[in-house]
Amino acid sequence: MMHISDCHRATIEFMQAPECQLSLRTYNIAAMSFTPEELAQEIRKHLPHLKITYNPDSVRQNIADSWPVRFDDTNARRDWGWAPIYALEELVSDMLRSIRQKRTNKGLPVS
């Protein structure tokens, strides 16, 4: 998972990196990995009464199971200094801020 701001920044940093620093033509970039329960725990720091139910979806789970456990971004970190800014805590805070702002803009209650 990656915050869109980190994704944009990584793209720009790669495009601006001096060619002599780049050892590859393509790079993996990574930021964070978490379980649904870790995400729920982080959200509960902001919304303590959050209740979650899970509805397994075998089709989507099969797709997710085919992905790598972790993207190796060692080359990007070494060659052009890639490092994400957003971790799970910042991702959740920004997500909830954005949801609250959208609800406020639509005149809906914000809790």
PDB file of N, CA and C in Angstrom:
ATOM      1  N   MET A   1       0.854  -1.168   0.000  1.00  0.00           N
ATOM      2  CA  MET A   1       0.000   0.000   0.000  1.00  0.00           C
ATOM      3  C   MET A   1       0.899   1.229   0.000  1.00  0.00           C
ATOM      4  N   MET A   2       0.414   2.251  -0.663  1.00  0.00           N
ATOM      5  CA  MET A   2       1.186   3.486  -0.732  1.00  0.00           C
ATOM      6  C   MET A   2       0.227   4.665  -0.817  1.00  0.00           C
ATOM      7  N   HIS A   3       0.527   5.702  -0.068  1.00  0.00           N
ATOM      8  CA  HIS A   3      -0.242   6.941  -0.167  1.00  0.00           C
ATOM      9  C   HIS A   3       0.043   7.550  -1.540  1.00  0.00           C
ATOM     10  N   ILE A   4      -0.967   8.113  -2.156  1.00  0.00           N
ATOM     11  CA  ILE A   4      -0.820   8.665  -3.500  1.00  0.00           C
ATOM     12  C   ILE A   4       0.254   9.753  -3.557  1.00  0.00           C
ATOM     13  N   SER A   5       0.424  10.508  -2.485  1.00  0.00           N
ATOM     14  CA  SER A   5       1.468  11.546  -2.465  1.00  0.00           C
ATOM     15  C   SER A   5       2.855  10.927  -2.563  1.00  0.00           C
ATOM     16  N   ASP A   6       3.065   9.805  -1.875  1.00  0.00           N
ATOM     17  CA  ASP A   6       4.349   9.111  -1.988  1.00  0.00           C
ATOM     18  C   ASP A   6       4.543   8.570  -3.401  1.00  0.00           C
ATOM     19  N   CYS A   7       3.486   8.066  -4.002  1.00  0.00           N
ATOM     20  CA  CYS A   7       3.573   7.548  -5.365  1.00  0.00           C
ATOM     21  C   CYS A   7       3.958   8.654  -6.349  1.00  0.00           C
ATOM     22  N   HIS A   8       3.286   9.786  -6.233  1.00  0.00           N
ATOM     23  CA  HIS A   8       3.616  10.913  -7.121  1.00  0.00           C
ATOM     24  C   HIS A   8       5.052  11.369  -6.913  1.00  0.00           C
ATOM     25  N   ARG A   9       5.437  11.507  -5.647  1.00  0.00           N
ATOM     26  CA  ARG A   9       6.794  11.972  -5.341  1.00  0.00           C
ATOM     27  C   ARG A   9       7.845  10.995  -5.869  1.00  0.00           C
ATOM     28  N   ALA A  10       7.599   9.689  -5.717  1.00  0.00           N
ATOM     29  CA  ALA A  10       8.547   8.686  -6.212  1.00  0.00           C
ATOM     30  C   ALA A  10       8.724   8.803  -7.723  1.00  0.00           C
ATOM     31  N   THR A  11       7.620   9.008  -8.420  1.00  0.00           N
ATOM     32  CA  THR A  11       7.685   9.139  -9.873  1.00  0.00           C
ATOM     33  C   THR A  11       8.517  10.355 -10.279  1.00  0.00           C
ATOM     34  N   ILE A  12       8.267  11.467  -9.626  1.00  0.00           N
ATOM     35  CA  ILE A  12       9.008  12.697  -9.954  1.00  0.00           C
ATOM     36  C   ILE A  12      10.475  12.547  -9.592  1.00  0.00           C
ATOM     37  N   GLU A  13      10.759  11.984  -8.413  1.00  0.00           N
ATOM     38  CA  GLU A  13      12.155  11.794  -8.004  1.00  0.00           C
ATOM     39  C   GLU A  13      12.897  10.892  -8.995  1.00  0.00           C
ATOM     40  N   PHE A  14      12.245   9.831  -9.444  1.00  0.00           N
ATOM     41  CA  PHE A  14      12.866   8.940 -10.426  1.00  0.00           C
ATOM     42  C   PHE A  14      13.158   9.686 -11.720  1.00  0.00           C
ATOM     43  N   MET A  15      12.185  10.451 -12.199  1.00  0.00           N
ATOM     44  CA  MET A  15      12.365  11.179 -13.461  1.00  0.00           C
ATOM     45  C   MET A  15      13.432  12.261 -13.360  1.00  0.00           C
ATOM     46  N   GLN A  16      13.659  12.794 -12.153  1.00  0.00           N
ATOM     47  CA  GLN A  16      14.645  13.855 -11.971  1.00  0.00           C
ATOM     48  C   GLN A  16      16.018  13.337 -11.543  1.00  0.00           C
ATOM     49  N   ALA A  17      16.114  12.062 -11.242  1.00  0.00           N
ATOM     50  CA  ALA A  17      17.393  11.507 -10.802  1.00  0.00           C
ATOM     51  C   ALA A  17      18.396  11.559 -11.952  1.00  0.00           C
ATOM     52  N   PRO A  18      19.632  11.935 -11.649  1.00  0.00           N
ATOM     53  CA  PRO A  18      20.654  11.925 -12.696  1.00  0.00           C
ATOM     54  C   PRO A  18      20.814  10.522 -13.280  1.00  0.00           C
ATOM     55  N   GLU A  19      20.878  10.450 -14.584  1.00  0.00           N
ATOM     56  CA  GLU A  19      20.957   9.150 -15.254  1.00  0.00           C
ATOM     57  C   GLU A  19      22.133   8.324 -14.756  1.00  0.00           C
ATOM     58  N   CYS A  20      23.218   8.968 -14.394  1.00  0.00           N
ATOM     59  CA  CYS A  20      24.396   8.233 -13.934  1.00  0.00           C
ATOM     60  C   CYS A  20      24.147   7.504 -12.607  1.00  0.00           C
ATOM     61  N   GLN A  21      23.107   7.892 -11.867  1.00  0.00           N
ATOM     62  CA  GLN A  21      22.781   7.235 -10.602  1.00  0.00           C
ATOM     63  C   GLN A  21      21.899   6.007 -10.806  1.00  0.00           C
ATOM     64  N   LEU A  22      21.267   5.894 -11.959  1.00  0.00           N
ATOM     65  CA  LEU A  22      20.292   4.845 -12.184  1.00  0.00           C
ATOM     66  C   LEU A  22      20.957   3.609 -12.784  1.00  0.00           C
ATOM     67  N   SER A  23      20.807   2.491 -12.107  1.00  0.00           N
ATOM     68  CA  SER A  23      21.399   1.247 -12.583  1.00  0.00           C
ATOM     69  C   SER A  23      20.388   0.404 -13.363  1.00  0.00           C
ATOM     70  N   LEU A  24      19.106   0.800 -13.334  1.00  0.00           N
ATOM     71  CA  LEU A  24      18.037   0.048 -13.987  1.00  0.00           C
ATOM     72  C   LEU A  24      17.159   0.985 -14.807  1.00  0.00           C
ATOM     73  N   ARG A  25      16.334   0.401 -15.662  1.00  0.00           N
ATOM     74  CA  ARG A  25      15.352   1.188 -16.410  1.00  0.00           C
ATOM     75  C   ARG A  25      14.015   1.248 -15.683  1.00  0.00           C
ATOM     76  N   THR A  26      13.719   0.242 -14.880  1.00  0.00           N
ATOM     77  CA  THR A  26      12.483   0.208 -14.100  1.00  0.00           C
ATOM     78  C   THR A  26      12.808  -0.142 -12.653  1.00  0.00           C
ATOM     79  N   TYR A  27      11.980   0.369 -11.743  1.00  0.00           N
ATOM     80  CA  TYR A  27      12.193   0.167 -10.311  1.00  0.00           C
ATOM     81  C   TYR A  27      10.879  -0.188  -9.632  1.00  0.00           C
ATOM     82  N   ASN A  28      10.977  -1.001  -8.601  1.00  0.00           N
ATOM     83  CA  ASN A  28       9.860  -1.184  -7.676  1.00  0.00           C
ATOM     84  C   ASN A  28       9.964  -0.109  -6.608  1.00  0.00           C
ATOM     85  N   ILE A  29       8.828   0.380  -6.163  1.00  0.00           N
ATOM     86  CA  ILE A  29       8.801   1.250  -4.991  1.00  0.00           C
ATOM     87  C   ILE A  29       7.767   0.671  -4.035  1.00  0.00           C
ATOM     88  N   ALA A  30       8.042   0.778  -2.776  1.00  0.00           N
ATOM     89  CA  ALA A  30       7.150   0.225  -1.762  1.00  0.00           C
ATOM     90  C   ALA A  30       7.047   1.216  -0.614  1.00  0.00           C
ATOM     91  N   ALA A  31       6.006   1.052   0.183  1.00  0.00           N
ATOM     92  CA  ALA A  31       5.829   1.950   1.312  1.00  0.00           C
ATOM     93  C   ALA A  31       5.451   1.194   2.576  1.00  0.00           C
ATOM     94  N   MET A  32       4.314   0.500   2.572  1.00  0.00           N
ATOM     95  CA  MET A  32       3.847  -0.145   3.798  1.00  0.00           C
ATOM     96  C   MET A  32       3.059  -1.392   3.472  1.00  0.00           C
ATOM     97  N   SER A  33       2.973  -2.231   4.463  1.00  0.00           N
ATOM     98  CA  SER A  33       2.171  -3.438   4.354  1.00  0.00           C
ATOM     99  C   SER A  33       1.475  -3.629   5.694  1.00  0.00           C
ATOM    100  N   PHE A  34       0.190  -3.970   5.643  1.00  0.00           N
ATOM    101  CA  PHE A  34      -0.551  -4.151   6.886  1.00  0.00           C
ATOM    102  C   PHE A  34      -1.702  -5.108   6.650  1.00  0.00           C
ATOM    103  N   THR A  35      -2.178  -5.676   7.743  1.00  0.00           N
ATOM    104  CA  THR A  35      -3.329  -6.578   7.679  1.00  0.00           C
ATOM    105  C   THR A  35      -4.604  -5.765   7.862  1.00  0.00           C
ATOM    106  N   PRO A  36      -5.741  -6.329   7.511  1.00  0.00           N
ATOM    107  CA  PRO A  36      -7.006  -5.630   7.778  1.00  0.00           C
ATOM    108  C   PRO A  36      -7.167  -5.284   9.265  1.00  0.00           C
ATOM    109  N   GLU A  37      -6.735  -6.169  10.145  1.00  0.00           N
ATOM    110  CA  GLU A  37      -6.863  -5.897  11.575  1.00  0.00           C
ATOM    111  C   GLU A  37      -5.944  -4.768  12.020  1.00  0.00           C
ATOM    112  N   GLU A  38      -4.735  -4.680  11.474  1.00  0.00           N
ATOM    113  CA  GLU A  38      -3.835  -3.572  11.809  1.00  0.00           C
ATOM    114  C   GLU A  38      -4.436  -2.247  11.342  1.00  0.00           C
ATOM    115  N   LEU A  39      -5.068  -2.251  10.170  1.00  0.00           N
ATOM    116  CA  LEU A  39      -5.743  -1.051   9.679  1.00  0.00           C
ATOM    117  C   LEU A  39      -6.890  -0.682  10.608  1.00  0.00           C
ATOM    118  N   ALA A  40      -7.687  -1.665  11.005  1.00  0.00           N
ATOM    119  CA  ALA A  40      -8.808  -1.405  11.916  1.00  0.00           C
ATOM    120  C   ALA A  40      -8.315  -0.829  13.241  1.00  0.00           C
ATOM    121  N   GLN A  41      -7.242  -1.364  13.771  1.00  0.00           N
ATOM    122  CA  GLN A  41      -6.692  -0.854  15.033  1.00  0.00           C
ATOM    123  C   GLN A  41      -6.258   0.601  14.904  1.00  0.00           C
ATOM    124  N   GLU A  42      -5.666   0.946  13.779  1.00  0.00           N
ATOM    125  CA  GLU A  42      -5.228   2.334  13.571  1.00  0.00           C
ATOM    126  C   GLU A  42      -6.433   3.258  13.445  1.00  0.00           C
ATOM    127  N   ILE A  43      -7.469   2.827  12.731  1.00  0.00           N
ATOM    128  CA  ILE A  43      -8.679   3.635  12.601  1.00  0.00           C
ATOM    129  C   ILE A  43      -9.345   3.816  13.960  1.00  0.00           C
ATOM    130  N   ARG A  44      -9.321   2.772  14.786  1.00  0.00           N
ATOM    131  CA  ARG A  44      -9.951   2.855  16.117  1.00  0.00           C
ATOM    132  C   ARG A  44      -9.272   3.880  17.023  1.00  0.00           C
ATOM    133  N   LYS A  45      -8.046   4.259  16.737  1.00  0.00           N
ATOM    134  CA  LYS A  45      -7.398   5.334  17.492  1.00  0.00           C
ATOM    135  C   LYS A  45      -8.153   6.645  17.298  1.00  0.00           C
ATOM    136  N   HIS A  46      -8.824   6.780  16.176  1.00  0.00           N
ATOM    137  CA  HIS A  46      -9.600   7.975  15.848  1.00  0.00           C
ATOM    138  C   HIS A  46     -11.095   7.764  16.086  1.00  0.00           C
ATOM    139  N   LEU A  47     -11.547   6.549  15.846  1.00  0.00           N
ATOM    140  CA  LEU A  47     -12.964   6.188  15.964  1.00  0.00           C
ATOM    141  C   LEU A  47     -13.064   4.950  16.849  1.00  0.00           C
ATOM    142  N   PRO A  48     -12.985   5.129  18.173  1.00  0.00           N
ATOM    143  CA  PRO A  48     -12.887   3.985  19.092  1.00  0.00           C
ATOM    144  C   PRO A  48     -14.034   2.985  19.011  1.00  0.00           C
ATOM    145  N   HIS A  49     -15.199   3.402  18.578  1.00  0.00           N
ATOM    146  CA  HIS A  49     -16.350   2.499  18.559  1.00  0.00           C
ATOM    147  C   HIS A  49     -16.539   1.803  17.212  1.00  0.00           C
ATOM    148  N   LEU A  50     -15.549   1.889  16.345  1.00  0.00           N
ATOM    149  CA  LEU A  50     -15.633   1.275  15.024  1.00  0.00           C
ATOM    150  C   LEU A  50     -15.834  -0.232  15.150  1.00  0.00           C
ATOM    151  N   LYS A  51     -16.818  -0.719  14.427  1.00  0.00           N
ATOM    152  CA  LYS A  51     -17.068  -2.157  14.340  1.00  0.00           C
ATOM    153  C   LYS A  51     -16.917  -2.556  12.876  1.00  0.00           C
ATOM    154  N   ILE A  52     -16.272  -3.661  12.654  1.00  0.00           N
ATOM    155  CA  ILE A  52     -16.010  -4.115  11.292  1.00  0.00           C
ATOM    156  C   ILE A  52     -16.487  -5.555  11.147  1.00  0.00           C
ATOM    157  N   THR A  53     -17.116  -5.821  10.027  1.00  0.00           N
ATOM    158  CA  THR A  53     -17.439  -7.198   9.670  1.00  0.00           C
ATOM    159  C   THR A  53     -16.731  -7.497   8.354  1.00  0.00           C
ATOM    160  N   TYR A  54     -16.295  -8.705   8.215  1.00  0.00           N
ATOM    161  CA  TYR A  54     -15.573  -9.113   7.016  1.00  0.00           C
ATOM    162  C   TYR A  54     -16.442 -10.075   6.216  1.00  0.00           C
ATOM    163  N   ASN A  55     -16.527  -9.842   4.933  1.00  0.00           N
ATOM    164  CA  ASN A  55     -17.236 -10.733   4.019  1.00  0.00           C
ATOM    165  C   ASN A  55     -16.210 -11.288   3.036  1.00  0.00           C
ATOM    166  N   PRO A  56     -15.735 -12.510   3.287  1.00  0.00           N
ATOM    167  CA  PRO A  56     -14.717 -13.079   2.397  1.00  0.00           C
ATOM    168  C   PRO A  56     -15.179 -13.107   0.944  1.00  0.00           C
ATOM    169  N   ASP A  57     -14.266 -12.828   0.061  1.00  0.00           N
ATOM    170  CA  ASP A  57     -14.518 -12.834  -1.375  1.00  0.00           C
ATOM    171  C   ASP A  57     -13.416 -13.678  -2.002  1.00  0.00           C
ATOM    172  N   SER A  58     -13.722 -14.920  -2.314  1.00  0.00           N
ATOM    173  CA  SER A  58     -12.689 -15.856  -2.776  1.00  0.00           C
ATOM    174  C   SER A  58     -12.063 -15.419  -4.099  1.00  0.00           C
ATOM    175  N   VAL A  59     -12.808 -14.778  -4.965  1.00  0.00           N
ATOM    176  CA  VAL A  59     -12.247 -14.335  -6.249  1.00  0.00           C
ATOM    177  C   VAL A  59     -11.169 -13.282  -6.012  1.00  0.00           C
ATOM    178  N   ARG A  60     -11.502 -12.263  -5.254  1.00  0.00           N
ATOM    179  CA  ARG A  60     -10.517 -11.211  -4.978  1.00  0.00           C
ATOM    180  C   ARG A  60      -9.368 -11.732  -4.127  1.00  0.00           C
ATOM    181  N   GLN A  61      -9.664 -12.637  -3.219  1.00  0.00           N
ATOM    182  CA  GLN A  61      -8.604 -13.201  -2.388  1.00  0.00           C
ATOM    183  C   GLN A  61      -7.610 -13.988  -3.231  1.00  0.00           C
ATOM    184  N   ASN A  62      -8.108 -14.720  -4.220  1.00  0.00           N
ATOM    185  CA  ASN A  62      -7.207 -15.455  -5.115  1.00  0.00           C
ATOM    186  C   ASN A  62      -6.282 -14.499  -5.863  1.00  0.00           C
ATOM    187  N   ILE A  63      -6.806 -13.357  -6.278  1.00  0.00           N
ATOM    188  CA  ILE A  63      -5.975 -12.343  -6.943  1.00  0.00           C
ATOM    189  C   ILE A  63      -4.924 -11.832  -5.971  1.00  0.00           C
ATOM    190  N   ALA A  64      -5.353 -11.468  -4.760  1.00  0.00           N
ATOM    191  CA  ALA A  64      -4.419 -10.946  -3.763  1.00  0.00           C
ATOM    192  C   ALA A  64      -3.355 -11.979  -3.404  1.00  0.00           C
ATOM    193  N   ASP A  65      -3.733 -13.235  -3.336  1.00  0.00           N
ATOM    194  CA  ASP A  65      -2.779 -14.290  -3.001  1.00  0.00           C
ATOM    195  C   ASP A  65      -1.712 -14.468  -4.075  1.00  0.00           C
ATOM    196  N   SER A  66      -1.969 -14.000  -5.292  1.00  0.00           N
ATOM    197  CA  SER A  66      -0.993 -14.129  -6.371  1.00  0.00           C
ATOM    198  C   SER A  66       0.049 -13.011  -6.353  1.00  0.00           C
ATOM    199  N   TRP A  67      -0.192 -11.967  -5.559  1.00  0.00           N
ATOM    200  CA  TRP A  67       0.753 -10.855  -5.488  1.00  0.00           C
ATOM    201  C   TRP A  67       1.956 -11.227  -4.633  1.00  0.00           C
ATOM    202  N   PRO A  68       3.080 -10.550  -4.853  1.00  0.00           N
ATOM    203  CA  PRO A  68       4.230 -10.799  -3.981  1.00  0.00           C
ATOM    204  C   PRO A  68       3.915 -10.366  -2.556  1.00  0.00           C
ATOM    205  N   VAL A  69       4.548 -11.010  -1.604  1.00  0.00           N
ATOM    206  CA  VAL A  69       4.339 -10.648  -0.202  1.00  0.00           C
ATOM    207  C   VAL A  69       4.860  -9.236   0.033  1.00  0.00           C
ATOM    208  N   ARG A  70       5.957  -8.898  -0.605  1.00  0.00           N
ATOM    209  CA  ARG A  70       6.557  -7.573  -0.432  1.00  0.00           C
ATOM    210  C   ARG A  70       7.276  -7.202  -1.716  1.00  0.00           C
ATOM    211  N   PHE A  71       7.117  -5.957  -2.135  1.00  0.00           N
ATOM    212  CA  PHE A  71       7.897  -5.455  -3.256  1.00  0.00           C
ATOM    213  C   PHE A  71       9.271  -5.050  -2.743  1.00  0.00           C
ATOM    214  N   ASP A  72      10.285  -5.506  -3.412  1.00  0.00           N
ATOM    215  CA  ASP A  72      11.657  -5.174  -3.015  1.00  0.00           C
ATOM    216  C   ASP A  72      12.063  -3.874  -3.705  1.00  0.00           C
ATOM    217  N   ASP A  73      12.176  -2.816  -2.909  1.00  0.00           N
ATOM    218  CA  ASP A  73      12.549  -1.516  -3.476  1.00  0.00           C
ATOM    219  C   ASP A  73      13.981  -1.121  -3.117  1.00  0.00           C
ATOM    220  N   THR A  74      14.811  -2.111  -2.827  1.00  0.00           N
ATOM    221  CA  THR A  74      16.207  -1.864  -2.455  1.00  0.00           C
ATOM    222  C   THR A  74      16.934  -1.042  -3.507  1.00  0.00           C
ATOM    223  N   ASN A  75      16.706  -1.352  -4.779  1.00  0.00           N
ATOM    224  CA  ASN A  75      17.416  -0.633  -5.851  1.00  0.00           C
ATOM    225  C   ASN A  75      17.037   0.842  -5.884  1.00  0.00           C
ATOM    226  N   ALA A  76      15.760   1.153  -5.713  1.00  0.00           N
ATOM    227  CA  ALA A  76      15.318   2.551  -5.717  1.00  0.00           C
ATOM    228  C   ALA A  76      15.891   3.301  -4.512  1.00  0.00           C
ATOM    229  N   ARG A  77      15.918   2.645  -3.364  1.00  0.00           N
ATOM    230  CA  ARG A  77      16.477   3.280  -2.168  1.00  0.00           C
ATOM    231  C   ARG A  77      17.972   3.547  -2.353  1.00  0.00           C
ATOM    232  N   ARG A  78      18.659   2.591  -2.966  1.00  0.00           N
ATOM    233  CA  ARG A  78      20.102   2.733  -3.176  1.00  0.00           C
ATOM    234  C   ARG A  78      20.412   3.753  -4.271  1.00  0.00           C
ATOM    235  N   ASP A  79      19.732   3.657  -5.406  1.00  0.00           N
ATOM    236  CA  ASP A  79      20.118   4.458  -6.567  1.00  0.00           C
ATOM    237  C   ASP A  79      19.679   5.909  -6.489  1.00  0.00           C
ATOM    238  N   TRP A  80      18.481   6.179  -6.025  1.00  0.00           N
ATOM    239  CA  TRP A  80      18.038   7.571  -6.011  1.00  0.00           C
ATOM    240  C   TRP A  80      17.400   7.997  -4.699  1.00  0.00           C
ATOM    241  N   GLY A  81      17.649   7.231  -3.650  1.00  0.00           N
ATOM    242  CA  GLY A  81      17.266   7.673  -2.318  1.00  0.00           C
ATOM    243  C   GLY A  81      15.787   7.567  -2.000  1.00  0.00           C
ATOM    244  N   TRP A  82      15.063   6.666  -2.680  1.00  0.00           N
ATOM    245  CA  TRP A  82      13.628   6.543  -2.417  1.00  0.00           C
ATOM    246  C   TRP A  82      13.371   6.182  -0.956  1.00  0.00           C
ATOM    247  N   ALA A  83      12.423   6.875  -0.360  1.00  0.00           N
ATOM    248  CA  ALA A  83      11.926   6.543   0.985  1.00  0.00           C
ATOM    249  C   ALA A  83      10.525   7.139   1.115  1.00  0.00           C
ATOM    250  N   PRO A  84       9.558   6.331   1.535  1.00  0.00           N
ATOM    251  CA  PRO A  84       8.202   6.865   1.705  1.00  0.00           C
ATOM    252  C   PRO A  84       8.126   7.806   2.903  1.00  0.00           C
ATOM    253  N   ILE A  85       7.192   8.739   2.845  1.00  0.00           N
ATOM    254  CA  ILE A  85       6.942   9.648   3.970  1.00  0.00           C
ATOM    255  C   ILE A  85       5.778   9.122   4.799  1.00  0.00           C
ATOM    256  N   TYR A  86       4.755   8.615   4.133  1.00  0.00           N
ATOM    257  CA  TYR A  86       3.538   8.176   4.812  1.00  0.00           C
ATOM    258  C   TYR A  86       3.675   6.735   5.306  1.00  0.00           C
ATOM    259  N   ALA A  87       3.422   6.543   6.595  1.00  0.00           N
ATOM    260  CA  ALA A  87       3.277   5.214   7.186  1.00  0.00           C
ATOM    261  C   ALA A  87       1.785   5.016   7.470  1.00  0.00           C
ATOM    262  N   LEU A  88       1.427   3.898   8.062  1.00  0.00           N
ATOM    263  CA  LEU A  88       0.019   3.596   8.303  1.00  0.00           C
ATOM    264  C   LEU A  88      -0.660   4.694   9.117  1.00  0.00           C
ATOM    265  N   GLU A  89      -0.008   5.193  10.138  1.00  0.00           N
ATOM    266  CA  GLU A  89      -0.602   6.243  10.979  1.00  0.00           C
ATOM    267  C   GLU A  89      -0.952   7.481  10.162  1.00  0.00           C
ATOM    268  N   GLU A  90      -0.034   7.925   9.327  1.00  0.00           N
ATOM    269  CA  GLU A  90      -0.279   9.111   8.500  1.00  0.00           C
ATOM    270  C   GLU A  90      -1.316   8.827   7.416  1.00  0.00           C
ATOM    271  N   LEU A  91      -1.286   7.627   6.861  1.00  0.00           N
ATOM    272  CA  LEU A  91      -2.272   7.249   5.848  1.00  0.00           C
ATOM    273  C   LEU A  91      -3.686   7.322   6.407  1.00  0.00           C
ATOM    274  N   VAL A  92      -3.896   6.738   7.588  1.00  0.00           N
ATOM    275  CA  VAL A  92      -5.231   6.731   8.200  1.00  0.00           C
ATOM    276  C   VAL A  92      -5.652   8.152   8.565  1.00  0.00           C
ATOM    277  N   SER A  93      -4.764   8.929   9.161  1.00  0.00           N
ATOM    278  CA  SER A  93      -5.110  10.312   9.516  1.00  0.00           C
ATOM    279  C   SER A  93      -5.528  11.106   8.291  1.00  0.00           C
ATOM    280  N   ASP A  94      -4.782  10.962   7.200  1.00  0.00           N
ATOM    281  CA  ASP A  94      -5.107  11.694   5.982  1.00  0.00           C
ATOM    282  C   ASP A  94      -6.415  11.194   5.369  1.00  0.00           C
ATOM    283  N   MET A  95      -6.631   9.890   5.391  1.00  0.00           N
ATOM    284  CA  MET A  95      -7.856   9.315   4.856  1.00  0.00           C
ATOM    285  C   MET A  95      -9.077   9.834   5.620  1.00  0.00           C
ATOM    286  N   LEU A  96      -9.010   9.812   6.944  1.00  0.00           N
ATOM    287  CA  LEU A  96     -10.141  10.274   7.746  1.00  0.00           C
ATOM    288  C   LEU A  96     -10.363  11.778   7.587  1.00  0.00           C
ATOM    289  N   ARG A  97      -9.282  12.550   7.478  1.00  0.00           N
ATOM    290  CA  ARG A  97      -9.404  13.993   7.249  1.00  0.00           C
ATOM    291  C   ARG A  97     -10.111  14.249   5.928  1.00  0.00           C
ATOM    292  N   SER A  98      -9.744  13.500   4.912  1.00  0.00           N
ATOM    293  CA  SER A  98     -10.358  13.659   3.593  1.00  0.00           C
ATOM    294  C   SER A  98     -11.839  13.289   3.618  1.00  0.00           C
ATOM    295  N   ILE A  99     -12.175  12.213   4.297  1.00  0.00           N
ATOM    296  CA  ILE A  99     -13.586  11.806   4.398  1.00  0.00           C
ATOM    297  C   ILE A  99     -14.390  12.868   5.140  1.00  0.00           C
ATOM    298  N   ARG A 100     -13.843  13.379   6.241  1.00  0.00           N
ATOM    299  CA  ARG A 100     -14.540  14.423   7.005  1.00  0.00           C
ATOM    300  C   ARG A 100     -14.748  15.670   6.154  1.00  0.00           C
ATOM    301  N   GLN A 101     -13.724  16.044   5.402  1.00  0.00           N
ATOM    302  CA  GLN A 101     -13.820  17.233   4.556  1.00  0.00           C
ATOM    303  C   GLN A 101     -14.901  17.047   3.481  1.00  0.00           C
ATOM    304  N   LYS A 102     -14.949  15.895   2.867  1.00  0.00           N
ATOM    305  CA  LYS A 102     -15.970  15.628   1.836  1.00  0.00           C
ATOM    306  C   LYS A 102     -17.370  15.659   2.451  1.00  0.00           C
ATOM    307  N   ARG A 103     -17.523  15.077   3.643  1.00  0.00           N
ATOM    308  CA  ARG A 103     -18.830  15.084   4.301  1.00  0.00           C
ATOM    309  C   ARG A 103     -19.226  16.514   4.657  1.00  0.00           C
ATOM    310  N   THR A 104     -18.297  17.304   5.155  1.00  0.00           N
ATOM    311  CA  THR A 104     -18.575  18.698   5.491  1.00  0.00           C
ATOM    312  C   THR A 104     -18.988  19.471   4.250  1.00  0.00           C
ATOM    313  N   ASN A 105     -18.275  19.272   3.155  1.00  0.00           N
ATOM    314  CA  ASN A 105     -18.586  19.965   1.897  1.00  0.00           C
ATOM    315  C   ASN A 105     -19.965  19.607   1.356  1.00  0.00           C
ATOM    316  N   LYS A 106     -20.443  18.405   1.689  1.00  0.00           N
ATOM    317  CA  LYS A 106     -21.768  17.975   1.236  1.00  0.00           C
ATOM    318  C   LYS A 106     -22.846  18.282   2.261  1.00  0.00           C
ATOM    319  N   GLY A 107     -22.463  18.926   3.377  1.00  0.00           N
ATOM    320  CA  GLY A 107     -23.446  19.264   4.407  1.00  0.00           C
ATOM    321  C   GLY A 107     -23.884  18.069   5.240  1.00  0.00           C
ATOM    322  N   LEU A 108     -23.088  17.008   5.234  1.00  0.00           N
ATOM    323  CA  LEU A 108     -23.428  15.819   6.012  1.00  0.00           C
ATOM    324  C   LEU A 108     -22.786  15.893   7.395  1.00  0.00           C
ATOM    325  N   PRO A 109     -23.361  15.197   8.366  1.00  0.00           N
ATOM    326  CA  PRO A 109     -22.773  15.223   9.708  1.00  0.00           C
ATOM    327  C   PRO A 109     -21.384  14.577   9.712  1.00  0.00           C
ATOM    328  N   VAL A 110     -20.518  15.114  10.541  1.00  0.00           N
ATOM    329  CA  VAL A 110     -19.168  14.598  10.707  1.00  0.00           C
ATOM    330  C   VAL A 110     -19.011  14.147  12.143  1.00  0.00           C
ATOM    331  N   SER A 111     -18.602  12.905  12.323  1.00  0.00           N
ATOM    332  CA  SER A 111     -18.435  12.410  13.696  1.00  0.00           C
ATOM    333  C   SER A 111     -16.997  12.146  14.016  1.00  0.00           C
TER     334      SER A 111
END
